Amino acid sequence: MITLIYNLEQKDDCVNVKAIVEDCVEIYPATNIDPAEYGPALCETTFYLDEDETLPKDEEDLIDYLENLNLDWKVLPRDYDL
């Protein structure tokens, strides 16, 4: 689940997105009693638009659109400079 979009860059049909994505990094490891707990992280992904396809203008619609794409997000290092 995407919480916040930090940056979105589009060049022709290529779109690069940096966003806070839930449940991406392990916060607490699993124990004999409890499962591992995961939390949000700054992530990045790139995808391509189909011909004549445009991105939604509204942020909520854009988040819904991105979530429906089932993208593979790459976790960025904590010291990543936006």
N, C-alpha and C. Protein backbone atom coordinates (compact mmCIF):
# COMPACT_ATOMS: atom_id res chain seq x y z
N MET A 1 0.85 -1.18 0.00
CA MET A 1 0.00 0.00 0.00
C MET A 1 0.89 1.24 0.00
N ILE A 2 0.61 2.15 -0.90
CA ILE A 2 1.36 3.39 -1.02
C ILE A 2 0.76 4.41 -0.06
N THR A 3 1.60 5.00 0.78
CA THR A 3 1.16 6.00 1.74
C THR A 3 1.31 7.42 1.19
N LEU A 4 2.46 7.66 0.51
CA LEU A 4 2.78 9.00 0.06
C LEU A 4 3.66 8.93 -1.17
N ILE A 5 3.39 9.74 -2.17
CA ILE A 5 4.25 9.84 -3.34
C ILE A 5 5.19 11.02 -3.12
N TYR A 6 6.50 10.72 -3.10
CA TYR A 6 7.50 11.78 -2.91
C TYR A 6 7.84 12.45 -4.23
N ASN A 7 8.01 11.65 -5.27
CA ASN A 7 8.46 12.19 -6.53
C ASN A 7 7.95 11.32 -7.66
N LEU A 8 7.54 11.96 -8.74
CA LEU A 8 7.12 11.24 -9.93
C LEU A 8 7.70 11.98 -11.13
N GLU A 9 8.48 11.27 -11.94
CA GLU A 9 9.07 11.85 -13.13
C GLU A 9 8.65 11.03 -14.34
N GLN A 10 8.18 11.73 -15.36
CA GLN A 10 7.78 11.05 -16.58
C GLN A 10 8.58 11.60 -17.74
N LYS A 11 9.21 10.70 -18.49
CA LYS A 11 9.95 11.09 -19.69
C LYS A 11 9.45 10.19 -20.81
N ASP A 12 8.72 10.79 -21.73
CA ASP A 12 8.05 10.05 -22.80
C ASP A 12 7.10 9.03 -22.17
N ASP A 13 7.33 7.74 -22.42
CA ASP A 13 6.43 6.73 -21.86
C ASP A 13 6.99 6.06 -20.60
N CYS A 14 8.16 6.50 -20.13
CA CYS A 14 8.79 5.94 -18.94
C CYS A 14 8.47 6.78 -17.70
N VAL A 15 7.98 6.12 -16.65
CA VAL A 15 7.60 6.81 -15.41
C VAL A 15 8.42 6.24 -14.26
N ASN A 16 9.07 7.15 -13.50
CA ASN A 16 9.83 6.76 -12.32
C ASN A 16 9.14 7.36 -11.10
N VAL A 17 8.88 6.51 -10.09
CA VAL A 17 8.14 6.94 -8.91
C VAL A 17 8.95 6.61 -7.66
N LYS A 18 9.02 7.58 -6.74
CA LYS A 18 9.57 7.36 -5.40
C LYS A 18 8.43 7.61 -4.43
N ALA A 19 8.20 6.64 -3.53
CA ALA A 19 7.05 6.74 -2.63
C ALA A 19 7.32 5.98 -1.34
N ILE A 20 6.54 6.31 -0.31
CA ILE A 20 6.54 5.53 0.92
C ILE A 20 5.57 4.38 0.71
N VAL A 21 6.09 3.16 0.87
CA VAL A 21 5.29 1.96 0.67
C VAL A 21 5.27 1.16 1.97
N GLU A 22 4.08 0.75 2.38
CA GLU A 22 3.90 -0.01 3.62
C GLU A 22 4.47 -1.43 3.51
N ASP A 23 4.86 -1.98 4.64
CA ASP A 23 5.26 -3.39 4.78
C ASP A 23 6.40 -3.81 3.84
N CYS A 24 7.40 -2.95 3.70
CA CYS A 24 8.52 -3.25 2.80
C CYS A 24 9.78 -3.70 3.52
N VAL A 25 9.97 -3.26 4.75
CA VAL A 25 11.19 -3.61 5.48
C VAL A 25 10.84 -4.26 6.81
N GLU A 26 11.67 -5.17 7.22
CA GLU A 26 11.46 -5.85 8.50
C GLU A 26 11.85 -4.92 9.64
N ILE A 27 10.90 -4.67 10.52
CA ILE A 27 11.13 -3.81 11.69
C ILE A 27 11.59 -4.65 12.88
N TYR A 28 10.90 -5.76 13.11
CA TYR A 28 11.25 -6.69 14.19
C TYR A 28 11.30 -8.09 13.60
N PRO A 29 12.39 -8.82 13.86
CA PRO A 29 12.48 -10.18 13.33
C PRO A 29 11.51 -11.12 14.05
N ALA A 30 11.24 -12.23 13.41
CA ALA A 30 10.37 -13.24 14.00
C ALA A 30 11.03 -13.86 15.23
N THR A 31 10.22 -14.26 16.17
CA THR A 31 10.71 -14.98 17.34
C THR A 31 10.01 -16.34 17.36
N ASN A 32 10.28 -17.12 18.37
CA ASN A 32 9.59 -18.41 18.50
C ASN A 32 8.11 -18.23 18.78
N ILE A 33 7.74 -17.04 19.24
CA ILE A 33 6.35 -16.78 19.62
C ILE A 33 5.63 -15.91 18.59
N ASP A 34 6.31 -14.87 18.11
CA ASP A 34 5.67 -13.89 17.24
C ASP A 34 6.26 -13.89 15.83
N PRO A 35 5.43 -13.58 14.83
CA PRO A 35 5.96 -13.45 13.46
C PRO A 35 6.73 -12.14 13.30
N ALA A 36 7.46 -12.03 12.23
CA ALA A 36 8.19 -10.79 11.94
C ALA A 36 7.19 -9.65 11.72
N GLU A 37 7.63 -8.44 12.05
CA GLU A 37 6.80 -7.26 11.81
C GLU A 37 7.47 -6.41 10.75
N TYR A 38 6.66 -5.90 9.82
CA TYR A 38 7.18 -5.11 8.71
C TYR A 38 6.61 -3.70 8.77
N GLY A 39 7.39 -2.74 8.25
CA GLY A 39 6.97 -1.35 8.27
C GLY A 39 7.24 -0.65 6.95
N PRO A 40 6.93 0.64 6.88
CA PRO A 40 7.06 1.39 5.64
C PRO A 40 8.52 1.75 5.33
N ALA A 41 8.76 2.04 4.05
CA ALA A 41 10.08 2.46 3.61
C ALA A 41 9.95 3.31 2.35
N LEU A 42 10.97 4.11 2.09
CA LEU A 42 11.05 4.86 0.85
C LEU A 42 11.47 3.89 -0.25
N CYS A 43 10.66 3.82 -1.29
CA CYS A 43 10.90 2.86 -2.37
C CYS A 43 10.85 3.56 -3.72
N GLU A 44 11.35 2.86 -4.72
CA GLU A 44 11.37 3.39 -6.08
C GLU A 44 10.94 2.31 -7.06
N THR A 45 10.27 2.72 -8.12
CA THR A 45 9.90 1.80 -9.19
C THR A 45 9.85 2.57 -10.50
N THR A 46 9.96 1.83 -11.58
CA THR A 46 9.85 2.39 -12.92
C THR A 46 8.91 1.52 -13.73
N PHE A 47 8.08 2.16 -14.54
CA PHE A 47 7.18 1.42 -15.43
C PHE A 47 6.95 2.24 -16.68
N TYR A 48 6.34 1.62 -17.67
CA TYR A 48 6.09 2.26 -18.95
C TYR A 48 4.59 2.37 -19.19
N LEU A 49 4.19 3.52 -19.73
CA LEU A 49 2.80 3.75 -20.08
C LEU A 49 2.53 3.19 -21.48
N ASP A 50 1.31 2.71 -21.69
CA ASP A 50 0.90 2.31 -23.02
C ASP A 50 0.71 3.55 -23.88
N GLU A 51 0.71 3.34 -25.17
CA GLU A 51 0.52 4.46 -26.09
C GLU A 51 -0.80 5.16 -25.79
N ASP A 52 -0.78 6.48 -25.75
CA ASP A 52 -1.95 7.33 -25.47
C ASP A 52 -2.50 7.19 -24.06
N GLU A 53 -1.79 6.52 -23.16
CA GLU A 53 -2.22 6.42 -21.76
C GLU A 53 -1.66 7.60 -20.98
N THR A 54 -2.46 8.15 -20.07
CA THR A 54 -2.01 9.26 -19.23
C THR A 54 -2.20 8.90 -17.77
N LEU A 55 -1.43 9.55 -16.93
CA LEU A 55 -1.52 9.32 -15.49
C LEU A 55 -2.64 10.17 -14.90
N PRO A 56 -3.31 9.67 -13.87
CA PRO A 56 -4.33 10.48 -13.18
C PRO A 56 -3.71 11.73 -12.57
N LYS A 57 -4.44 12.81 -12.57
CA LYS A 57 -3.96 14.09 -12.01
C LYS A 57 -4.12 14.15 -10.49
N ASP A 58 -5.20 13.60 -9.97
CA ASP A 58 -5.49 13.60 -8.54
C ASP A 58 -4.58 12.59 -7.82
N GLU A 59 -3.99 13.00 -6.69
CA GLU A 59 -3.04 12.13 -5.99
C GLU A 59 -3.67 10.82 -5.51
N GLU A 60 -4.88 10.88 -4.99
CA GLU A 60 -5.54 9.65 -4.54
C GLU A 60 -5.80 8.70 -5.71
N ASP A 61 -6.22 9.26 -6.84
CA ASP A 61 -6.45 8.43 -8.03
C ASP A 61 -5.13 7.86 -8.54
N LEU A 62 -4.06 8.66 -8.46
CA LEU A 62 -2.75 8.19 -8.89
C LEU A 62 -2.26 7.05 -8.01
N ILE A 63 -2.45 7.16 -6.71
CA ILE A 63 -2.07 6.08 -5.79
C ILE A 63 -2.86 4.82 -6.11
N ASP A 64 -4.15 4.95 -6.33
CA ASP A 64 -4.97 3.79 -6.70
C ASP A 64 -4.48 3.17 -8.01
N TYR A 65 -4.17 4.01 -8.98
CA TYR A 65 -3.67 3.54 -10.26
C TYR A 65 -2.37 2.75 -10.08
N LEU A 66 -1.42 3.31 -9.32
CA LEU A 66 -0.13 2.64 -9.10
C LEU A 66 -0.30 1.32 -8.35
N GLU A 67 -1.18 1.30 -7.37
CA GLU A 67 -1.40 0.06 -6.62
C GLU A 67 -2.00 -1.03 -7.49
N ASN A 68 -2.83 -0.66 -8.44
CA ASN A 68 -3.44 -1.64 -9.33
C ASN A 68 -2.46 -2.22 -10.35
N LEU A 69 -1.31 -1.57 -10.53
CA LEU A 69 -0.30 -2.06 -11.46
C LEU A 69 0.52 -3.22 -10.87
N ASN A 70 0.45 -3.42 -9.57
CA ASN A 70 1.23 -4.47 -8.90
C ASN A 70 2.72 -4.36 -9.25
N LEU A 71 3.28 -3.20 -9.01
CA LEU A 71 4.68 -2.92 -9.35
C LEU A 71 5.64 -3.57 -8.37
N ASP A 72 6.84 -3.81 -8.84
CA ASP A 72 7.93 -4.29 -7.97
C ASP A 72 8.67 -3.06 -7.46
N TRP A 73 8.60 -2.85 -6.15
CA TRP A 73 9.23 -1.70 -5.54
C TRP A 73 10.61 -2.07 -5.01
N LYS A 74 11.58 -1.18 -5.21
CA LYS A 74 12.93 -1.36 -4.70
C LYS A 74 13.10 -0.43 -3.49
N VAL A 75 13.49 -1.00 -2.35
CA VAL A 75 13.70 -0.19 -1.14
C VAL A 75 14.97 0.62 -1.32
N LEU A 76 14.88 1.93 -1.08
CA LEU A 76 16.04 2.81 -1.17
C LEU A 76 16.75 2.86 0.17
N PRO A 77 18.07 3.09 0.17
CA PRO A 77 18.81 3.17 1.43
C PRO A 77 18.29 4.31 2.32
N ARG A 78 18.43 4.14 3.61
CA ARG A 78 17.94 5.17 4.55
C ARG A 78 18.58 6.53 4.33
N ASP A 79 19.81 6.55 3.86
CA ASP A 79 20.51 7.82 3.67
C ASP A 79 20.31 8.38 2.26
N TYR A 80 19.33 7.86 1.53
CA TYR A 80 19.06 8.32 0.18
C TYR A 80 18.64 9.78 0.23
N ASP A 81 19.23 10.61 -0.63
CA ASP A 81 18.95 12.03 -0.65
C ASP A 81 17.91 12.35 -1.71
N LEU A 82 16.75 12.80 -1.27
CA LEU A 82 15.71 13.17 -2.22
C LEU A 82 16.07 14.51 -2.81
